[in-house]
Amino acid sequence: MIGRLVALAQRGDRRAADRLVREHDGWVRSAIYAVIGRPDLVDDVAQQVWLRVWERLDTLQSPARLRPWLYTIARHTALDVGASHGRRSGRTTSLENVSAVDERSERHPAQAASRREQREVLLAAVQALPADYREPLVLRHLQDWSYAEIAQVLNVSVETVETRLVRGRALLRELLQDRVSS
């Protein structure tokens, strides 16, 4: 199905291109956030990413490789923008929505408020992680990418991905422990 959409979009089919954006924009935004950790820049970077995608779509030779190809563009664009801006605190809508469905299903306002507070603490802790650890954590746990996929787009070995995930989780536990106990 993706291959057909890509082929149609490469031939100029606007509906196919719009569908590709709708289906992939959320995780592209999460990937951008994973790289730069700046919610105030996510929208601008996402626009730049999609512009680059449409400029280069004809260079995508294997539609089955769409996600890694998109991620590479998103990552490089985010790194370009991140290099020209300092890092600041905040959250992205796409990451905030990770547990929004759970919150809406809560029957008691107190439970919903508690879950919202827990999510805010978790998102702040994820944001506080260095990009080398934040990026693989977001890709693995929010985007459900395999270690091999992460290694390929980050241009590191699978062992490096494993190490960064272990260290990232440990740092995240420390950050959460500090925030919960303070």
N, C-alpha and C. Protein backbone atom coordinates (compact mmCIF):
# COMPACT_ATOMS: atom_id res chain seq x y z
N MET A 1 0.82 -1.20 0.00
CA MET A 1 0.00 0.00 0.00
C MET A 1 0.87 1.26 0.00
N ILE A 2 1.90 1.29 0.87
CA ILE A 2 2.79 2.45 0.93
C ILE A 2 3.48 2.63 -0.42
N GLY A 3 3.92 1.53 -1.01
CA GLY A 3 4.60 1.60 -2.29
C GLY A 3 3.72 2.24 -3.36
N ARG A 4 2.46 1.90 -3.36
CA ARG A 4 1.51 2.47 -4.33
C ARG A 4 1.32 3.96 -4.07
N LEU A 5 1.16 4.33 -2.81
CA LEU A 5 1.01 5.76 -2.46
C LEU A 5 2.24 6.56 -2.88
N VAL A 6 3.41 6.02 -2.60
CA VAL A 6 4.65 6.71 -2.97
C VAL A 6 4.72 6.88 -4.48
N ALA A 7 4.42 5.79 -5.21
CA ALA A 7 4.48 5.85 -6.68
C ALA A 7 3.50 6.91 -7.20
N LEU A 8 2.31 6.94 -6.66
CA LEU A 8 1.32 7.95 -7.08
C LEU A 8 1.80 9.36 -6.75
N ALA A 9 2.33 9.53 -5.55
CA ALA A 9 2.83 10.85 -5.15
C ALA A 9 4.01 11.27 -6.03
N GLN A 10 4.87 10.33 -6.39
CA GLN A 10 6.00 10.64 -7.27
C GLN A 10 5.53 11.09 -8.65
N ARG A 11 4.35 10.63 -9.06
CA ARG A 11 3.79 11.04 -10.35
C ARG A 11 2.95 12.31 -10.24
N GLY A 12 2.90 12.89 -9.02
CA GLY A 12 2.20 14.16 -8.86
C GLY A 12 0.78 14.06 -8.33
N ASP A 13 0.35 12.89 -7.87
CA ASP A 13 -1.01 12.73 -7.34
C ASP A 13 -1.11 13.43 -5.99
N ARG A 14 -1.83 14.51 -5.94
CA ARG A 14 -1.95 15.35 -4.74
C ARG A 14 -2.62 14.58 -3.58
N ARG A 15 -3.65 13.81 -3.87
CA ARG A 15 -4.32 13.06 -2.80
C ARG A 15 -3.40 12.03 -2.16
N ALA A 16 -2.60 11.37 -2.98
CA ALA A 16 -1.64 10.40 -2.44
C ALA A 16 -0.61 11.11 -1.57
N ALA A 17 -0.14 12.26 -2.03
CA ALA A 17 0.84 13.04 -1.25
C ALA A 17 0.22 13.49 0.08
N ASP A 18 -1.00 13.98 0.04
CA ASP A 18 -1.68 14.40 1.27
C ASP A 18 -1.84 13.23 2.24
N ARG A 19 -2.17 12.06 1.70
CA ARG A 19 -2.33 10.89 2.56
C ARG A 19 -1.02 10.47 3.21
N LEU A 20 0.07 10.55 2.43
CA LEU A 20 1.38 10.24 3.01
C LEU A 20 1.70 11.17 4.17
N VAL A 21 1.40 12.44 4.01
CA VAL A 21 1.64 13.40 5.09
C VAL A 21 0.78 13.05 6.30
N ARG A 22 -0.51 12.82 6.08
CA ARG A 22 -1.42 12.49 7.20
C ARG A 22 -0.95 11.25 7.96
N GLU A 23 -0.51 10.24 7.22
CA GLU A 23 -0.11 8.98 7.85
C GLU A 23 1.23 9.04 8.56
N HIS A 24 2.10 9.97 8.16
CA HIS A 24 3.45 9.98 8.71
C HIS A 24 3.82 11.24 9.48
N ASP A 25 2.98 12.25 9.48
CA ASP A 25 3.32 13.52 10.11
C ASP A 25 3.52 13.40 11.62
N GLY A 26 2.70 12.62 12.29
CA GLY A 26 2.82 12.49 13.74
C GLY A 26 4.16 11.95 14.19
N TRP A 27 4.59 10.87 13.56
CA TRP A 27 5.87 10.30 13.98
C TRP A 27 7.04 11.12 13.47
N VAL A 28 6.87 11.83 12.34
CA VAL A 28 7.93 12.74 11.87
C VAL A 28 8.13 13.83 12.92
N ARG A 29 7.03 14.36 13.45
CA ARG A 29 7.12 15.40 14.48
C ARG A 29 7.77 14.85 15.76
N SER A 30 7.43 13.63 16.12
CA SER A 30 8.07 13.02 17.29
C SER A 30 9.56 12.83 17.06
N ALA A 31 9.92 12.45 15.86
CA ALA A 31 11.35 12.28 15.52
C ALA A 31 12.08 13.61 15.60
N ILE A 32 11.44 14.66 15.11
CA ILE A 32 12.04 16.00 15.18
C ILE A 32 12.27 16.38 16.64
N TYR A 33 11.26 16.16 17.45
CA TYR A 33 11.38 16.47 18.87
C TYR A 33 12.48 15.65 19.52
N ALA A 34 12.57 14.38 19.13
CA ALA A 34 13.60 13.52 19.70
C ALA A 34 14.99 14.06 19.42
N VAL A 35 15.16 14.70 18.27
CA VAL A 35 16.47 15.23 17.90
C VAL A 35 16.74 16.56 18.58
N ILE A 36 15.79 17.49 18.52
CA ILE A 36 16.09 18.85 19.00
C ILE A 36 15.53 19.18 20.37
N GLY A 37 14.51 18.45 20.83
CA GLY A 37 13.95 18.71 22.15
C GLY A 37 13.36 20.10 22.31
N ARG A 38 12.96 20.73 21.23
CA ARG A 38 12.42 22.09 21.26
C ARG A 38 11.01 22.11 20.67
N PRO A 39 9.99 22.13 21.50
CA PRO A 39 8.62 22.13 20.98
C PRO A 39 8.29 23.37 20.16
N ASP A 40 8.95 24.47 20.47
CA ASP A 40 8.67 25.71 19.74
C ASP A 40 9.18 25.66 18.31
N LEU A 41 10.03 24.69 17.99
CA LEU A 41 10.58 24.59 16.64
C LEU A 41 9.98 23.45 15.82
N VAL A 42 9.22 22.58 16.45
CA VAL A 42 8.73 21.37 15.77
C VAL A 42 7.89 21.71 14.54
N ASP A 43 6.96 22.66 14.64
CA ASP A 43 6.12 22.99 13.49
C ASP A 43 6.96 23.52 12.32
N ASP A 44 7.87 24.43 12.61
CA ASP A 44 8.71 24.99 11.54
C ASP A 44 9.59 23.94 10.90
N VAL A 45 10.17 23.07 11.71
CA VAL A 45 11.04 22.03 11.18
C VAL A 45 10.21 21.04 10.36
N ALA A 46 9.02 20.71 10.85
CA ALA A 46 8.15 19.78 10.11
C ALA A 46 7.82 20.34 8.72
N GLN A 47 7.55 21.63 8.65
CA GLN A 47 7.28 22.24 7.34
C GLN A 47 8.50 22.11 6.43
N GLN A 48 9.67 22.37 6.98
CA GLN A 48 10.89 22.24 6.18
C GLN A 48 11.10 20.80 5.73
N VAL A 49 10.80 19.86 6.63
CA VAL A 49 10.96 18.44 6.29
C VAL A 49 10.07 18.09 5.11
N TRP A 50 8.79 18.46 5.18
CA TRP A 50 7.87 18.09 4.11
C TRP A 50 8.23 18.78 2.80
N LEU A 51 8.75 20.00 2.88
CA LEU A 51 9.21 20.66 1.65
C LEU A 51 10.37 19.87 1.03
N ARG A 52 11.31 19.46 1.86
CA ARG A 52 12.44 18.67 1.37
C ARG A 52 11.99 17.33 0.82
N VAL A 53 11.00 16.73 1.48
CA VAL A 53 10.48 15.44 1.00
C VAL A 53 9.92 15.60 -0.41
N TRP A 54 9.13 16.63 -0.63
CA TRP A 54 8.52 16.79 -1.96
C TRP A 54 9.55 17.17 -3.01
N GLU A 55 10.57 17.90 -2.60
CA GLU A 55 11.65 18.24 -3.54
C GLU A 55 12.44 17.00 -3.94
N ARG A 56 12.55 16.03 -3.03
CA ARG A 56 13.42 14.87 -3.24
C ARG A 56 12.67 13.55 -3.44
N LEU A 57 11.35 13.60 -3.48
CA LEU A 57 10.57 12.36 -3.53
C LEU A 57 10.97 11.47 -4.71
N ASP A 58 11.33 12.07 -5.81
CA ASP A 58 11.71 11.27 -6.98
C ASP A 58 13.03 10.52 -6.77
N THR A 59 13.79 10.87 -5.73
CA THR A 59 15.04 10.15 -5.45
C THR A 59 14.83 8.89 -4.61
N LEU A 60 13.62 8.73 -4.05
CA LEU A 60 13.31 7.54 -3.26
C LEU A 60 13.12 6.37 -4.23
N GLN A 61 14.06 5.45 -4.24
CA GLN A 61 14.04 4.36 -5.20
C GLN A 61 13.24 3.16 -4.72
N SER A 62 13.21 2.97 -3.40
CA SER A 62 12.49 1.82 -2.84
C SER A 62 11.40 2.32 -1.90
N PRO A 63 10.15 2.32 -2.36
CA PRO A 63 9.06 2.79 -1.50
C PRO A 63 8.97 2.06 -0.16
N ALA A 64 9.45 0.83 -0.09
CA ALA A 64 9.44 0.09 1.17
C ALA A 64 10.36 0.75 2.21
N ARG A 65 11.27 1.58 1.74
CA ARG A 65 12.22 2.26 2.63
C ARG A 65 11.75 3.67 2.97
N LEU A 66 10.47 3.95 2.78
CA LEU A 66 9.95 5.29 3.02
C LEU A 66 10.24 5.80 4.43
N ARG A 67 9.91 5.01 5.45
CA ARG A 67 10.10 5.49 6.82
C ARG A 67 11.55 5.84 7.14
N PRO A 68 12.51 4.96 6.88
CA PRO A 68 13.91 5.35 7.14
C PRO A 68 14.34 6.56 6.31
N TRP A 69 13.88 6.65 5.09
CA TRP A 69 14.21 7.78 4.22
C TRP A 69 13.64 9.07 4.80
N LEU A 70 12.36 9.03 5.20
CA LEU A 70 11.72 10.20 5.83
C LEU A 70 12.44 10.58 7.12
N TYR A 71 12.76 9.58 7.92
CA TYR A 71 13.42 9.85 9.19
C TYR A 71 14.77 10.53 8.95
N THR A 72 15.50 10.06 7.97
CA THR A 72 16.80 10.66 7.67
C THR A 72 16.64 12.13 7.32
N ILE A 73 15.65 12.45 6.50
CA ILE A 73 15.40 13.85 6.14
C ILE A 73 14.99 14.63 7.38
N ALA A 74 14.09 14.07 8.19
CA ALA A 74 13.63 14.76 9.41
C ALA A 74 14.80 14.99 10.36
N ARG A 75 15.63 13.99 10.53
CA ARG A 75 16.76 14.10 11.45
C ARG A 75 17.76 15.17 10.99
N HIS A 76 18.12 15.12 9.72
CA HIS A 76 19.09 16.09 9.21
C HIS A 76 18.54 17.52 9.27
N THR A 77 17.27 17.66 8.94
CA THR A 77 16.64 18.99 9.00
C THR A 77 16.62 19.48 10.44
N ALA A 78 16.24 18.61 11.37
CA ALA A 78 16.20 18.98 12.79
C ALA A 78 17.59 19.33 13.30
N LEU A 79 18.59 18.57 12.90
CA LEU A 79 19.96 18.86 13.32
C LEU A 79 20.42 20.22 12.77
N ASP A 80 20.06 20.50 11.51
CA ASP A 80 20.40 21.81 10.93
C ASP A 80 19.78 22.94 11.73
N VAL A 81 18.51 22.81 12.05
CA VAL A 81 17.81 23.85 12.81
C VAL A 81 18.32 23.89 14.24
N GLY A 82 18.52 22.72 14.85
CA GLY A 82 19.00 22.66 16.22
C GLY A 82 20.37 23.28 16.39
N ALA A 83 21.20 23.15 15.37
CA ALA A 83 22.55 23.72 15.44
C ALA A 83 22.50 25.25 15.46
N SER A 84 21.45 25.80 14.86
CA SER A 84 21.36 27.26 14.80
C SER A 84 20.56 27.85 15.96
N HIS A 85 19.99 27.00 16.80
CA HIS A 85 19.21 27.45 17.97
C HIS A 85 19.70 26.72 19.21
N GLY A 86 19.62 27.36 20.35
CA GLY A 86 19.91 26.68 21.61
C GLY A 86 18.73 25.84 22.02
N ARG A 87 18.93 24.95 22.94
CA ARG A 87 17.86 24.09 23.42
C ARG A 87 17.08 24.77 24.54
N ARG A 88 15.75 24.68 24.52
CA ARG A 88 14.88 25.26 25.54
C ARG A 88 13.86 24.25 26.03
N SER A 89 13.23 24.51 27.14
CA SER A 89 12.25 23.58 27.71
C SER A 89 10.90 23.68 27.01
N GLY A 90 10.10 22.62 27.14
CA GLY A 90 8.75 22.59 26.61
C GLY A 90 8.36 21.20 26.17
N ARG A 91 7.20 21.14 25.50
CA ARG A 91 6.70 19.84 25.05
C ARG A 91 6.11 19.99 23.65
N THR A 92 6.02 18.87 22.94
CA THR A 92 5.36 18.89 21.63
C THR A 92 3.99 18.28 21.76
N THR A 93 3.10 18.72 20.91
CA THR A 93 1.77 18.18 20.91
C THR A 93 1.78 16.70 20.63
N SER A 94 2.59 16.25 19.68
CA SER A 94 2.59 14.83 19.34
C SER A 94 3.01 13.96 20.52
N LEU A 95 3.95 14.42 21.32
CA LEU A 95 4.34 13.63 22.49
C LEU A 95 3.31 13.76 23.60
N GLU A 96 2.68 14.90 23.73
CA GLU A 96 1.66 15.06 24.76
C GLU A 96 0.49 14.13 24.50
N ASN A 97 0.22 13.83 23.25
CA ASN A 97 -0.93 13.02 22.90
C ASN A 97 -0.71 11.53 23.12
N VAL A 98 0.48 11.15 23.54
CA VAL A 98 0.80 9.74 23.71
C VAL A 98 -0.21 9.04 24.61
N SER A 99 -0.60 9.66 25.70
CA SER A 99 -1.57 9.02 26.59
C SER A 99 -2.86 9.80 26.69
N ALA A 100 -3.16 10.65 25.74
CA ALA A 100 -4.39 11.44 25.78
C ALA A 100 -5.63 10.55 25.77
N VAL A 101 -5.59 9.44 25.05
CA VAL A 101 -6.73 8.54 25.00
C VAL A 101 -6.98 7.95 26.38
N ASP A 102 -5.91 7.55 27.08
CA ASP A 102 -6.07 7.02 28.43
C ASP A 102 -6.72 8.04 29.34
N GLU A 103 -6.30 9.29 29.23
CA GLU A 103 -6.84 10.33 30.08
C GLU A 103 -8.32 10.53 29.82
N ARG A 104 -8.73 10.51 28.55
CA ARG A 104 -10.15 10.71 28.21
C ARG A 104 -10.99 9.55 28.73
N SER A 105 -10.38 8.37 28.87
CA SER A 105 -11.15 7.21 29.31
C SER A 105 -11.28 7.14 30.83
N GLU A 106 -10.56 7.98 31.56
CA GLU A 106 -10.66 8.00 33.02
C GLU A 106 -12.05 8.46 33.42
N ARG A 107 -12.64 7.77 34.41
CA ARG A 107 -13.98 8.11 34.83
C ARG A 107 -14.00 9.19 35.91
N HIS A 108 -12.91 9.33 36.62
CA HIS A 108 -12.87 10.29 37.71
C HIS A 108 -11.90 11.42 37.38
N PRO A 109 -12.33 12.65 37.61
CA PRO A 109 -11.45 13.79 37.32
C PRO A 109 -10.12 13.72 38.07
N ALA A 110 -10.13 13.20 39.29
CA ALA A 110 -8.89 13.11 40.07
C ALA A 110 -7.91 12.15 39.40
N GLN A 111 -8.41 11.04 38.87
CA GLN A 111 -7.54 10.10 38.16
C GLN A 111 -6.96 10.74 36.90
N ALA A 112 -7.79 11.46 36.18
CA ALA A 112 -7.33 12.13 34.96
C ALA A 112 -6.27 13.16 35.29
N ALA A 113 -6.48 13.92 36.36
CA ALA A 113 -5.50 14.94 36.76
C ALA A 113 -4.19 14.29 37.18
N SER A 114 -4.28 13.19 37.91
CA SER A 114 -3.07 12.48 38.34
C SER A 114 -2.31 11.94 37.14
N ARG A 115 -3.02 11.36 36.19
CA ARG A 115 -2.38 10.82 35.00
C ARG A 115 -1.73 11.95 34.19
N ARG A 116 -2.40 13.09 34.08
CA ARG A 116 -1.86 14.23 33.35
C ARG A 116 -0.57 14.72 34.02
N GLU A 117 -0.58 14.78 35.34
CA GLU A 117 0.61 15.22 36.08
C GLU A 117 1.77 14.24 35.88
N GLN A 118 1.47 12.94 35.92
CA GLN A 118 2.51 11.93 35.70
C GLN A 118 3.09 12.05 34.29
N ARG A 119 2.21 12.27 33.31
CA ARG A 119 2.67 12.42 31.93
C ARG A 119 3.56 13.64 31.78
N GLU A 120 3.20 14.75 32.42
CA GLU A 120 4.00 15.97 32.34
C GLU A 120 5.39 15.76 32.94
N VAL A 121 5.44 15.04 34.06
CA VAL A 121 6.74 14.74 34.69
C VAL A 121 7.57 13.86 33.76
N LEU A 122 6.94 12.84 33.17
CA LEU A 122 7.65 11.95 32.26
C LEU A 122 8.16 12.70 31.03
N LEU A 123 7.33 13.54 30.43
CA LEU A 123 7.75 14.28 29.24
C LEU A 123 8.87 15.26 29.56
N ALA A 124 8.81 15.89 30.71
CA ALA A 124 9.89 16.80 31.11
C ALA A 124 11.19 16.03 31.30
N ALA A 125 11.09 14.83 31.86
CA ALA A 125 12.29 14.01 32.06
C ALA A 125 12.85 13.54 30.71
N VAL A 126 11.99 13.12 29.80
CA VAL A 126 12.46 12.71 28.47
C VAL A 126 13.14 13.88 27.78
N GLN A 127 12.55 15.05 27.89
CA GLN A 127 13.14 16.23 27.26
C GLN A 127 14.49 16.58 27.85
N ALA A 128 14.68 16.30 29.11
CA ALA A 128 15.93 16.64 29.79
C ALA A 128 17.08 15.70 29.40
N LEU A 129 16.76 14.58 28.78
CA LEU A 129 17.80 13.64 28.37
C LEU A 129 18.65 14.23 27.25
N PRO A 130 19.94 13.90 27.22
CA PRO A 130 20.76 14.29 26.07
C PRO A 130 20.20 13.64 24.80
N ALA A 131 20.33 14.31 23.66
CA ALA A 131 19.76 13.84 22.40
C ALA A 131 20.24 12.42 22.05
N ASP A 132 21.49 12.08 22.38
CA ASP A 132 21.99 10.74 22.06
C ASP A 132 21.17 9.64 22.73
N TYR A 133 20.54 9.95 23.86
CA TYR A 133 19.71 8.97 24.56
C TYR A 133 18.23 9.19 24.27
N ARG A 134 17.82 10.45 24.15
CA ARG A 134 16.41 10.77 23.91
C ARG A 134 15.96 10.21 22.56
N GLU A 135 16.78 10.39 21.55
CA GLU A 135 16.39 9.99 20.19
C GLU A 135 16.09 8.48 20.09
N PRO A 136 17.00 7.60 20.51
CA PRO A 136 16.66 6.18 20.42
C PRO A 136 15.49 5.78 21.32
N LEU A 137 15.36 6.43 22.49
CA LEU A 137 14.22 6.11 23.36
C LEU A 137 12.90 6.46 22.70
N VAL A 138 12.81 7.61 22.09
CA VAL A 138 11.58 8.01 21.42
C VAL A 138 11.28 7.07 20.25
N LEU A 139 12.29 6.77 19.47
CA LEU A 139 12.08 5.89 18.31
C LEU A 139 11.66 4.48 18.75
N ARG A 140 12.28 3.99 19.80
CA ARG A 140 11.97 2.62 20.25
C ARG A 140 10.63 2.53 20.97
N HIS A 141 10.41 3.43 21.91
CA HIS A 141 9.24 3.28 22.78
C HIS A 141 8.00 4.04 22.33
N LEU A 142 8.16 5.10 21.56
CA LEU A 142 6.99 5.82 21.07
C LEU A 142 6.68 5.47 19.62
N GLN A 143 7.71 5.15 18.85
CA GLN A 143 7.50 4.83 17.45
C GLN A 143 7.60 3.34 17.15
N ASP A 144 8.04 2.55 18.14
CA ASP A 144 8.12 1.10 18.03
C ASP A 144 9.05 0.63 16.91
N TRP A 145 10.15 1.35 16.72
CA TRP A 145 11.14 0.96 15.71
C TRP A 145 12.01 -0.15 16.29
N SER A 146 12.51 -1.00 15.41
CA SER A 146 13.42 -2.06 15.84
C SER A 146 14.81 -1.45 16.09
N TYR A 147 15.64 -2.19 16.81
CA TYR A 147 17.01 -1.74 17.06
C TYR A 147 17.74 -1.54 15.73
N ALA A 148 17.51 -2.46 14.78
CA ALA A 148 18.19 -2.37 13.48
C ALA A 148 17.77 -1.11 12.72
N GLU A 149 16.48 -0.78 12.76
CA GLU A 149 16.00 0.43 12.09
C GLU A 149 16.62 1.68 12.72
N ILE A 150 16.67 1.69 14.04
CA ILE A 150 17.25 2.84 14.75
C ILE A 150 18.74 2.96 14.40
N ALA A 151 19.44 1.83 14.43
CA ALA A 151 20.87 1.84 14.11
C ALA A 151 21.11 2.38 12.70
N GLN A 152 20.27 1.97 11.77
CA GLN A 152 20.45 2.41 10.40
C GLN A 152 20.26 3.92 10.26
N VAL A 153 19.19 4.48 10.83
CA VAL A 153 18.96 5.91 10.64
C VAL A 153 19.91 6.77 11.45
N LEU A 154 20.41 6.24 12.56
CA LEU A 154 21.37 7.01 13.36
C LEU A 154 22.81 6.77 12.90
N ASN A 155 22.96 5.83 11.99
CA ASN A 155 24.28 5.49 11.44
C ASN A 155 25.23 5.02 12.54
N VAL A 156 24.72 4.14 13.40
CA VAL A 156 25.51 3.52 14.47
C VAL A 156 25.23 2.02 14.45
N SER A 157 25.96 1.29 15.23
CA SER A 157 25.74 -0.16 15.30
C SER A 157 24.52 -0.47 16.19
N VAL A 158 24.00 -1.67 16.04
CA VAL A 158 22.90 -2.12 16.88
C VAL A 158 23.35 -2.13 18.34
N GLU A 159 24.60 -2.51 18.58
CA GLU A 159 25.14 -2.53 19.94
C GLU A 159 25.14 -1.13 20.55
N THR A 160 25.45 -0.12 19.74
CA THR A 160 25.43 1.26 20.22
C THR A 160 24.00 1.67 20.58
N VAL A 161 23.05 1.25 19.76
CA VAL A 161 21.64 1.54 20.05
C VAL A 161 21.26 0.90 21.39
N GLU A 162 21.63 -0.37 21.56
CA GLU A 162 21.33 -1.06 22.81
C GLU A 162 21.94 -0.33 24.00
N THR A 163 23.18 0.07 23.87
CA THR A 163 23.87 0.78 24.95
C THR A 163 23.18 2.11 25.26
N ARG A 164 22.84 2.85 24.22
CA ARG A 164 22.18 4.13 24.43
C ARG A 164 20.81 3.96 25.06
N LEU A 165 20.10 2.91 24.70
CA LEU A 165 18.80 2.66 25.31
C LEU A 165 18.94 2.30 26.79
N VAL A 166 19.90 1.45 27.09
CA VAL A 166 20.13 1.08 28.50
C VAL A 166 20.51 2.31 29.32
N ARG A 167 21.45 3.09 28.81
CA ARG A 167 21.88 4.30 29.52
C ARG A 167 20.77 5.33 29.58
N GLY A 168 20.04 5.48 28.49
CA GLY A 168 18.93 6.43 28.47
C GLY A 168 17.85 6.07 29.47
N ARG A 169 17.52 4.79 29.56
CA ARG A 169 16.51 4.35 30.53
C ARG A 169 17.01 4.59 31.96
N ALA A 170 18.29 4.32 32.19
CA ALA A 170 18.86 4.54 33.53
C ALA A 170 18.81 6.03 33.89
N LEU A 171 19.19 6.88 32.94
CA LEU A 171 19.12 8.32 33.19
C LEU A 171 17.69 8.78 33.42
N LEU A 172 16.78 8.22 32.64
CA LEU A 172 15.37 8.57 32.79
C LEU A 172 14.86 8.17 34.17
N ARG A 173 15.25 6.96 34.63
CA ARG A 173 14.86 6.53 35.98
C ARG A 173 15.40 7.49 37.04
N GLU A 174 16.66 7.90 36.87
CA GLU A 174 17.25 8.85 37.83
C GLU A 174 16.50 10.18 37.83
N LEU A 175 16.25 10.68 36.65
CA LEU A 175 15.53 11.95 36.54
C LEU A 175 14.14 11.86 37.16
N LEU A 176 13.46 10.75 36.88
CA LEU A 176 12.11 10.59 37.43
C LEU A 176 12.15 10.42 38.94
N GLN A 177 13.15 9.70 39.43
CA GLN A 177 13.28 9.52 40.88
C GLN A 177 13.54 10.86 41.55
N ASP A 178 14.41 11.67 40.94
CA ASP A 178 14.69 13.00 41.49
C ASP A 178 13.45 13.88 41.49
N ARG A 179 12.66 13.81 40.42
CA ARG A 179 11.48 14.68 40.30
C ARG A 179 10.34 14.22 41.21
N VAL A 180 10.23 12.90 41.39
CA VAL A 180 9.17 12.39 42.25
C VAL A 180 9.49 12.60 43.72
N SER A 181 10.77 12.46 44.08
CA SER A 181 11.14 12.62 45.49
C SER A 181 11.33 14.08 45.90
N SER A 182 11.37 15.01 44.94
CA SER A 182 11.55 16.43 45.34
C SER A 182 10.23 17.12 45.48
